[in-house]
Amino acid sequence: MIGIQRLLEKERRERVSRGHFDLCVWNPLHLEDRLFRASGGKSEEETLIAIELSLNEHWKRAEYHVQWDLLKLDDLKNNVSYGYILFFVRDYPYDMSGLPHEYFIQRFRRFENESKTNIIYIENDHGKKIKGILSNTRFRNYKRLL
């Protein structure tokens, strides 16, 4: 994914550190032996599951928000075993912007080849509910949306 590669290169040039997750589960076998934060990330807690939560508050930048989250979840130095992005959509951006209905699900087609991180999409547009997985990663029995 070209956009994510550009963002990663920009972060490396600017020495940006990413690693705080909205929600994570650490490996309980190593809790006593490792540190919550450590210089350079060595000996930090092992993250088994990391979850990023996204709400379409900034609909013009929604795709970039997902790209940044993917970058964080897929970064080898963060050492995430299972990454998830939960993307929530409600009806107000459609009402305020005049966007066509199902705008987000159509725009997110670019993430359908994501193979490491699960991207789960949940939308409630005036009572019409859409939910499912956007990426190729297997996740329980969710139906694929794309």
N, C-alpha and C. Protein backbone atom coordinates (compact mmCIF):
# COMPACT_ATOMS: atom_id res chain seq x y z
N MET A 1 0.85 -1.17 0.00
CA MET A 1 0.00 0.00 0.00
C MET A 1 0.90 1.23 0.00
N ILE A 2 0.89 1.96 -1.07
CA ILE A 2 1.80 3.08 -1.27
C ILE A 2 1.63 4.14 -0.18
N GLY A 3 0.41 4.51 0.18
CA GLY A 3 0.19 5.55 1.18
C GLY A 3 0.84 5.22 2.51
N ILE A 4 0.70 3.98 2.94
CA ILE A 4 1.29 3.57 4.21
C ILE A 4 2.81 3.59 4.12
N GLN A 5 3.36 3.18 3.01
CA GLN A 5 4.81 3.21 2.84
C GLN A 5 5.34 4.64 2.94
N ARG A 6 4.63 5.59 2.33
CA ARG A 6 5.04 6.99 2.42
C ARG A 6 4.97 7.49 3.85
N LEU A 7 3.89 7.14 4.56
CA LEU A 7 3.76 7.56 5.95
C LEU A 7 4.88 6.98 6.81
N LEU A 8 5.21 5.72 6.58
CA LEU A 8 6.28 5.08 7.34
C LEU A 8 7.61 5.78 7.09
N GLU A 9 7.90 6.09 5.83
CA GLU A 9 9.14 6.80 5.51
C GLU A 9 9.18 8.17 6.17
N LYS A 10 8.05 8.88 6.15
CA LYS A 10 7.97 10.19 6.79
C LYS A 10 8.24 10.07 8.29
N GLU A 11 7.63 9.07 8.93
CA GLU A 11 7.86 8.87 10.36
C GLU A 11 9.33 8.58 10.65
N ARG A 12 9.96 7.78 9.81
CA ARG A 12 11.37 7.45 10.03
C ARG A 12 12.24 8.69 9.89
N ARG A 13 11.94 9.51 8.88
CA ARG A 13 12.71 10.74 8.69
C ARG A 13 12.55 11.69 9.87
N GLU A 14 11.32 11.79 10.37
CA GLU A 14 11.03 12.72 11.46
C GLU A 14 11.22 12.08 12.83
N ARG A 15 11.62 10.81 12.85
CA ARG A 15 11.84 10.07 14.09
C ARG A 15 10.61 10.08 15.01
N VAL A 16 9.47 9.87 14.39
CA VAL A 16 8.22 9.82 15.12
C VAL A 16 8.07 8.45 15.77
N SER A 17 7.60 8.43 16.98
CA SER A 17 7.39 7.17 17.68
C SER A 17 5.90 6.90 17.76
N ARG A 18 5.51 5.71 17.35
CA ARG A 18 4.11 5.31 17.46
C ARG A 18 4.05 4.01 18.25
N GLY A 19 3.11 3.88 19.11
CA GLY A 19 3.06 2.65 19.85
C GLY A 19 1.97 2.60 20.90
N HIS A 20 1.36 3.71 21.21
CA HIS A 20 0.25 3.69 22.17
C HIS A 20 -0.99 3.20 21.44
N PHE A 21 -1.64 2.22 22.00
CA PHE A 21 -2.84 1.65 21.39
C PHE A 21 -4.05 2.07 22.20
N ASP A 22 -5.21 2.11 21.56
CA ASP A 22 -6.43 2.45 22.27
C ASP A 22 -6.76 1.40 23.32
N LEU A 23 -6.49 0.15 22.99
CA LEU A 23 -6.74 -0.96 23.90
C LEU A 23 -5.76 -2.07 23.56
N CYS A 24 -5.17 -2.69 24.56
CA CYS A 24 -4.27 -3.81 24.25
C CYS A 24 -4.30 -4.85 25.36
N VAL A 25 -3.90 -6.05 25.01
CA VAL A 25 -3.78 -7.16 25.95
C VAL A 25 -2.33 -7.62 25.89
N TRP A 26 -1.68 -7.61 27.05
CA TRP A 26 -0.28 -8.04 27.13
C TRP A 26 -0.20 -9.52 27.45
N ASN A 27 0.92 -10.11 27.11
CA ASN A 27 1.15 -11.51 27.41
C ASN A 27 1.29 -11.67 28.93
N PRO A 28 0.39 -12.40 29.57
CA PRO A 28 0.43 -12.53 31.03
C PRO A 28 1.64 -13.33 31.53
N LEU A 29 2.27 -14.10 30.65
CA LEU A 29 3.43 -14.89 31.07
C LEU A 29 4.66 -14.03 31.34
N HIS A 30 4.66 -12.79 30.82
CA HIS A 30 5.85 -11.94 30.94
C HIS A 30 5.61 -10.67 31.73
N LEU A 31 4.47 -10.53 32.38
CA LEU A 31 4.14 -9.27 33.06
C LEU A 31 5.16 -8.91 34.15
N GLU A 32 5.64 -9.87 34.88
CA GLU A 32 6.57 -9.58 35.97
C GLU A 32 7.99 -9.34 35.48
N ASP A 33 8.31 -9.82 34.28
CA ASP A 33 9.68 -9.74 33.78
C ASP A 33 9.94 -8.53 32.89
N ARG A 34 8.88 -7.85 32.47
CA ARG A 34 9.06 -6.78 31.49
C ARG A 34 8.54 -5.46 32.02
N LEU A 35 8.92 -4.39 31.33
CA LEU A 35 8.56 -3.04 31.74
C LEU A 35 7.39 -2.51 30.93
N PHE A 36 6.62 -1.62 31.55
CA PHE A 36 5.53 -0.97 30.83
C PHE A 36 6.09 -0.13 29.69
N ARG A 37 7.10 0.67 29.94
CA ARG A 37 7.80 1.47 28.93
C ARG A 37 9.29 1.26 29.14
N ALA A 38 10.03 1.14 28.06
CA ALA A 38 11.48 0.98 28.16
C ALA A 38 12.14 1.75 27.04
N SER A 39 13.32 2.23 27.29
CA SER A 39 14.06 2.99 26.30
C SER A 39 14.31 2.13 25.06
N GLY A 40 13.89 2.64 23.91
CA GLY A 40 14.08 1.92 22.66
C GLY A 40 13.15 0.73 22.49
N GLY A 41 12.24 0.51 23.43
CA GLY A 41 11.28 -0.57 23.32
C GLY A 41 11.78 -1.93 23.76
N LYS A 42 13.06 -2.02 24.13
CA LYS A 42 13.59 -3.32 24.56
C LYS A 42 13.06 -3.66 25.94
N SER A 43 12.67 -4.89 26.11
CA SER A 43 12.14 -5.42 27.37
C SER A 43 10.78 -4.85 27.74
N GLU A 44 10.06 -4.24 26.76
CA GLU A 44 8.70 -3.78 27.04
C GLU A 44 7.75 -4.96 27.01
N GLU A 45 6.55 -4.72 27.52
CA GLU A 45 5.53 -5.76 27.53
C GLU A 45 5.27 -6.28 26.12
N GLU A 46 5.00 -7.56 26.00
CA GLU A 46 4.66 -8.17 24.72
C GLU A 46 3.17 -7.99 24.48
N THR A 47 2.81 -7.35 23.38
CA THR A 47 1.41 -7.08 23.07
C THR A 47 0.83 -8.22 22.25
N LEU A 48 -0.06 -8.97 22.86
CA LEU A 48 -0.72 -10.06 22.13
C LEU A 48 -1.79 -9.52 21.20
N ILE A 49 -2.62 -8.62 21.73
CA ILE A 49 -3.72 -8.06 20.96
C ILE A 49 -3.69 -6.54 21.12
N ALA A 50 -3.78 -5.82 20.00
CA ALA A 50 -3.88 -4.37 20.04
C ALA A 50 -5.08 -3.96 19.21
N ILE A 51 -5.85 -3.02 19.75
CA ILE A 51 -7.07 -2.57 19.10
C ILE A 51 -7.03 -1.06 18.96
N GLU A 52 -7.32 -0.59 17.76
CA GLU A 52 -7.47 0.83 17.49
C GLU A 52 -8.95 1.08 17.19
N LEU A 53 -9.51 2.11 17.81
CA LEU A 53 -10.91 2.46 17.61
C LEU A 53 -10.98 3.71 16.74
N SER A 54 -11.82 3.70 15.73
CA SER A 54 -11.97 4.84 14.83
C SER A 54 -13.44 5.19 14.69
N LEU A 55 -13.73 6.46 14.79
CA LEU A 55 -15.08 6.96 14.56
C LEU A 55 -14.97 8.01 13.47
N ASN A 56 -15.90 8.05 12.58
CA ASN A 56 -15.81 8.92 11.41
C ASN A 56 -16.05 10.38 11.73
N GLU A 57 -15.46 10.89 12.80
CA GLU A 57 -15.60 12.29 13.17
C GLU A 57 -15.06 13.21 12.08
N HIS A 58 -13.94 12.83 11.50
CA HIS A 58 -13.30 13.66 10.48
C HIS A 58 -13.38 12.92 9.15
N TRP A 59 -14.54 12.94 8.54
CA TRP A 59 -14.79 12.11 7.37
C TRP A 59 -13.86 12.39 6.22
N LYS A 60 -13.32 13.60 6.11
CA LYS A 60 -12.40 13.90 5.01
C LYS A 60 -11.08 13.17 5.17
N ARG A 61 -10.72 12.82 6.42
CA ARG A 61 -9.44 12.15 6.67
C ARG A 61 -9.61 10.73 7.19
N ALA A 62 -10.77 10.15 7.01
CA ALA A 62 -11.04 8.83 7.57
C ALA A 62 -10.06 7.77 7.07
N GLU A 63 -9.76 7.80 5.78
CA GLU A 63 -8.84 6.81 5.23
C GLU A 63 -7.44 6.95 5.83
N TYR A 64 -7.01 8.19 6.02
CA TYR A 64 -5.69 8.41 6.59
C TYR A 64 -5.62 7.95 8.04
N HIS A 65 -6.72 8.11 8.75
CA HIS A 65 -6.77 7.62 10.13
C HIS A 65 -6.54 6.11 10.15
N VAL A 66 -7.21 5.41 9.24
CA VAL A 66 -7.02 3.96 9.16
C VAL A 66 -5.59 3.63 8.75
N GLN A 67 -5.02 4.38 7.81
CA GLN A 67 -3.63 4.14 7.41
C GLN A 67 -2.67 4.31 8.57
N TRP A 68 -2.84 5.36 9.36
CA TRP A 68 -1.96 5.57 10.53
C TRP A 68 -2.11 4.42 11.52
N ASP A 69 -3.34 3.98 11.74
CA ASP A 69 -3.55 2.85 12.66
C ASP A 69 -2.90 1.58 12.12
N LEU A 70 -3.02 1.34 10.82
CA LEU A 70 -2.36 0.17 10.23
C LEU A 70 -0.85 0.26 10.39
N LEU A 71 -0.33 1.43 10.18
CA LEU A 71 1.11 1.64 10.34
C LEU A 71 1.56 1.29 11.75
N LYS A 72 0.80 1.73 12.72
CA LYS A 72 1.13 1.47 14.11
C LYS A 72 1.00 -0.02 14.44
N LEU A 73 -0.07 -0.65 13.98
CA LEU A 73 -0.31 -2.06 14.29
C LEU A 73 0.65 -3.00 13.57
N ASP A 74 1.06 -2.62 12.36
CA ASP A 74 1.93 -3.48 11.56
C ASP A 74 3.42 -3.23 11.78
N ASP A 75 3.77 -2.18 12.49
CA ASP A 75 5.17 -1.84 12.71
C ASP A 75 5.85 -2.94 13.54
N LEU A 76 6.91 -3.51 13.03
CA LEU A 76 7.60 -4.62 13.70
C LEU A 76 8.09 -4.26 15.09
N LYS A 77 8.50 -3.01 15.30
CA LYS A 77 9.01 -2.66 16.62
C LYS A 77 7.91 -2.64 17.68
N ASN A 78 6.64 -2.56 17.27
CA ASN A 78 5.55 -2.63 18.24
C ASN A 78 5.19 -4.07 18.59
N ASN A 79 5.64 -5.02 17.78
CA ASN A 79 5.52 -6.44 18.09
C ASN A 79 4.09 -6.86 18.48
N VAL A 80 3.13 -6.53 17.64
CA VAL A 80 1.73 -6.89 17.89
C VAL A 80 1.43 -8.23 17.23
N SER A 81 0.95 -9.18 18.01
CA SER A 81 0.60 -10.49 17.45
C SER A 81 -0.70 -10.44 16.66
N TYR A 82 -1.72 -9.78 17.21
CA TYR A 82 -3.03 -9.69 16.55
C TYR A 82 -3.51 -8.25 16.62
N GLY A 83 -3.65 -7.62 15.45
CA GLY A 83 -4.10 -6.24 15.39
C GLY A 83 -5.50 -6.12 14.85
N TYR A 84 -6.24 -5.18 15.41
CA TYR A 84 -7.62 -4.94 15.00
C TYR A 84 -7.88 -3.44 14.90
N ILE A 85 -8.62 -3.05 13.89
CA ILE A 85 -9.15 -1.70 13.79
C ILE A 85 -10.66 -1.83 13.75
N LEU A 86 -11.33 -1.16 14.66
CA LEU A 86 -12.79 -1.13 14.67
C LEU A 86 -13.19 0.25 14.16
N PHE A 87 -13.79 0.30 12.99
CA PHE A 87 -14.17 1.57 12.38
C PHE A 87 -15.67 1.73 12.46
N PHE A 88 -16.11 2.75 13.18
CA PHE A 88 -17.52 3.01 13.40
C PHE A 88 -17.98 4.18 12.54
N VAL A 89 -19.14 4.05 11.91
CA VAL A 89 -19.73 5.11 11.09
C VAL A 89 -21.14 5.34 11.59
N ARG A 90 -21.48 6.60 11.78
CA ARG A 90 -22.87 6.94 12.10
C ARG A 90 -23.40 7.88 11.04
N ASP A 91 -24.65 8.25 11.12
CA ASP A 91 -25.29 8.95 10.01
C ASP A 91 -24.95 10.42 9.87
N TYR A 92 -24.41 11.08 10.89
CA TYR A 92 -24.28 12.52 10.77
C TYR A 92 -23.34 13.01 9.67
N PRO A 93 -22.24 12.31 9.29
CA PRO A 93 -21.45 12.87 8.19
C PRO A 93 -22.22 12.86 6.87
N TYR A 94 -23.11 11.90 6.71
CA TYR A 94 -23.93 11.87 5.51
C TYR A 94 -24.87 13.08 5.52
N ASP A 95 -25.46 13.36 6.67
CA ASP A 95 -26.40 14.47 6.79
C ASP A 95 -25.70 15.82 6.60
N MET A 96 -24.52 15.98 7.20
CA MET A 96 -23.83 17.27 7.18
C MET A 96 -23.10 17.55 5.87
N SER A 97 -22.62 16.51 5.21
CA SER A 97 -21.75 16.71 4.06
C SER A 97 -22.41 16.45 2.72
N GLY A 98 -23.53 15.75 2.75
CA GLY A 98 -24.14 15.38 1.47
C GLY A 98 -23.43 14.23 0.79
N LEU A 99 -22.57 13.52 1.53
CA LEU A 99 -21.88 12.36 0.96
C LEU A 99 -22.90 11.31 0.53
N PRO A 100 -22.61 10.58 -0.53
CA PRO A 100 -23.53 9.49 -0.91
C PRO A 100 -23.51 8.40 0.17
N HIS A 101 -24.64 7.78 0.37
CA HIS A 101 -24.71 6.71 1.36
C HIS A 101 -23.77 5.58 0.96
N GLU A 102 -23.20 4.93 1.94
CA GLU A 102 -22.18 3.89 1.78
C GLU A 102 -20.87 4.46 1.23
N TYR A 103 -20.64 5.74 1.43
CA TYR A 103 -19.40 6.41 1.01
C TYR A 103 -18.19 5.73 1.64
N PHE A 104 -18.25 5.50 2.94
CA PHE A 104 -17.08 4.97 3.64
C PHE A 104 -16.75 3.55 3.20
N ILE A 105 -17.77 2.72 3.08
CA ILE A 105 -17.51 1.33 2.69
C ILE A 105 -16.90 1.29 1.29
N GLN A 106 -17.31 2.19 0.42
CA GLN A 106 -16.73 2.25 -0.93
C GLN A 106 -15.29 2.76 -0.89
N ARG A 107 -15.03 3.78 -0.09
CA ARG A 107 -13.68 4.35 0.00
C ARG A 107 -12.69 3.37 0.63
N PHE A 108 -13.19 2.51 1.47
CA PHE A 108 -12.30 1.59 2.19
C PHE A 108 -11.96 0.35 1.38
N ARG A 109 -12.42 0.26 0.15
CA ARG A 109 -12.04 -0.87 -0.70
C ARG A 109 -10.52 -1.00 -0.80
N ARG A 110 -9.83 0.09 -0.67
CA ARG A 110 -8.37 0.07 -0.78
C ARG A 110 -7.71 -0.78 0.31
N PHE A 111 -8.43 -1.08 1.38
CA PHE A 111 -7.86 -1.86 2.47
C PHE A 111 -8.19 -3.35 2.38
N GLU A 112 -8.88 -3.78 1.34
CA GLU A 112 -9.34 -5.16 1.28
C GLU A 112 -8.20 -6.16 1.15
N ASN A 113 -7.02 -5.73 0.72
CA ASN A 113 -5.89 -6.65 0.61
C ASN A 113 -5.00 -6.66 1.85
N GLU A 114 -5.40 -5.95 2.87
CA GLU A 114 -4.66 -5.97 4.13
C GLU A 114 -4.71 -7.39 4.69
N SER A 115 -3.54 -7.97 4.93
CA SER A 115 -3.54 -9.38 5.32
C SER A 115 -3.12 -9.62 6.77
N LYS A 116 -2.62 -8.60 7.46
CA LYS A 116 -2.16 -8.82 8.83
C LYS A 116 -3.14 -8.31 9.87
N THR A 117 -3.68 -7.14 9.65
CA THR A 117 -4.56 -6.51 10.63
C THR A 117 -6.01 -6.68 10.22
N ASN A 118 -6.86 -7.04 11.17
CA ASN A 118 -8.30 -7.14 10.91
C ASN A 118 -8.91 -5.75 10.95
N ILE A 119 -9.65 -5.38 9.92
CA ILE A 119 -10.37 -4.11 9.90
C ILE A 119 -11.85 -4.43 9.94
N ILE A 120 -12.49 -4.06 11.02
CA ILE A 120 -13.89 -4.38 11.21
C ILE A 120 -14.70 -3.09 11.08
N TYR A 121 -15.74 -3.14 10.28
CA TYR A 121 -16.51 -1.96 9.91
C TYR A 121 -17.92 -2.10 10.47
N ILE A 122 -18.37 -1.06 11.17
CA ILE A 122 -19.70 -1.07 11.76
C ILE A 122 -20.36 0.27 11.44
N GLU A 123 -21.47 0.25 10.72
CA GLU A 123 -22.14 1.48 10.32
C GLU A 123 -23.61 1.44 10.68
N ASN A 124 -24.12 2.58 11.13
CA ASN A 124 -25.55 2.74 11.37
C ASN A 124 -25.97 4.04 10.68
N ASP A 125 -26.55 3.91 9.53
CA ASP A 125 -26.97 5.06 8.73
C ASP A 125 -28.49 5.12 8.74
N HIS A 126 -29.04 5.94 9.64
CA HIS A 126 -30.50 6.10 9.77
C HIS A 126 -31.20 4.75 9.91
N GLY A 127 -30.65 3.90 10.73
CA GLY A 127 -31.27 2.60 10.99
C GLY A 127 -30.78 1.48 10.08
N LYS A 128 -30.15 1.82 8.96
CA LYS A 128 -29.59 0.78 8.09
C LYS A 128 -28.22 0.41 8.66
N LYS A 129 -28.08 -0.83 9.05
CA LYS A 129 -26.86 -1.27 9.69
C LYS A 129 -26.02 -2.12 8.74
N ILE A 130 -24.73 -1.81 8.69
CA ILE A 130 -23.77 -2.58 7.90
C ILE A 130 -22.66 -2.96 8.85
N LYS A 131 -22.29 -4.22 8.88
CA LYS A 131 -21.17 -4.63 9.72
C LYS A 131 -20.48 -5.81 9.07
N GLY A 132 -19.19 -5.87 9.26
CA GLY A 132 -18.43 -6.96 8.69
C GLY A 132 -16.95 -6.65 8.67
N ILE A 133 -16.20 -7.51 8.04
CA ILE A 133 -14.75 -7.35 7.99
C ILE A 133 -14.37 -6.82 6.61
N LEU A 134 -13.43 -5.88 6.58
CA LEU A 134 -13.01 -5.27 5.33
C LEU A 134 -11.76 -5.92 4.77
N SER A 135 -10.92 -6.47 5.61
CA SER A 135 -9.63 -6.99 5.16
C SER A 135 -9.70 -8.48 4.88
N ASN A 136 -8.63 -9.00 4.30
CA ASN A 136 -8.57 -10.42 3.97
C ASN A 136 -8.22 -11.30 5.17
N THR A 137 -7.90 -10.70 6.27
CA THR A 137 -7.54 -11.47 7.45
C THR A 137 -8.77 -12.19 7.99
N ARG A 138 -8.58 -13.43 8.37
CA ARG A 138 -9.71 -14.21 8.89
C ARG A 138 -10.09 -13.72 10.28
N PHE A 139 -11.38 -13.59 10.53
CA PHE A 139 -11.86 -13.17 11.84
C PHE A 139 -13.21 -13.82 12.10
N ARG A 140 -13.20 -14.80 12.93
CA ARG A 140 -14.43 -15.51 13.30
C ARG A 140 -15.32 -15.77 12.09
N ASN A 141 -16.60 -15.51 12.23
CA ASN A 141 -17.52 -15.79 11.12
C ASN A 141 -18.13 -14.53 10.54
N TYR A 142 -17.44 -13.39 10.67
CA TYR A 142 -17.95 -12.16 10.05
C TYR A 142 -17.99 -12.36 8.55
N LYS A 143 -19.03 -11.85 7.93
CA LYS A 143 -19.08 -11.90 6.46
C LYS A 143 -18.18 -10.79 5.91
N ARG A 144 -17.58 -11.06 4.77
CA ARG A 144 -16.75 -10.04 4.12
C ARG A 144 -17.64 -9.02 3.44
N LEU A 145 -17.32 -7.75 3.60
CA LEU A 145 -18.11 -6.69 2.98
C LEU A 145 -17.63 -6.34 1.59
N LEU A 146 -16.38 -6.58 1.29
CA LEU A 146 -15.83 -6.21 -0.02
C LEU A 146 -15.40 -7.44 -0.78
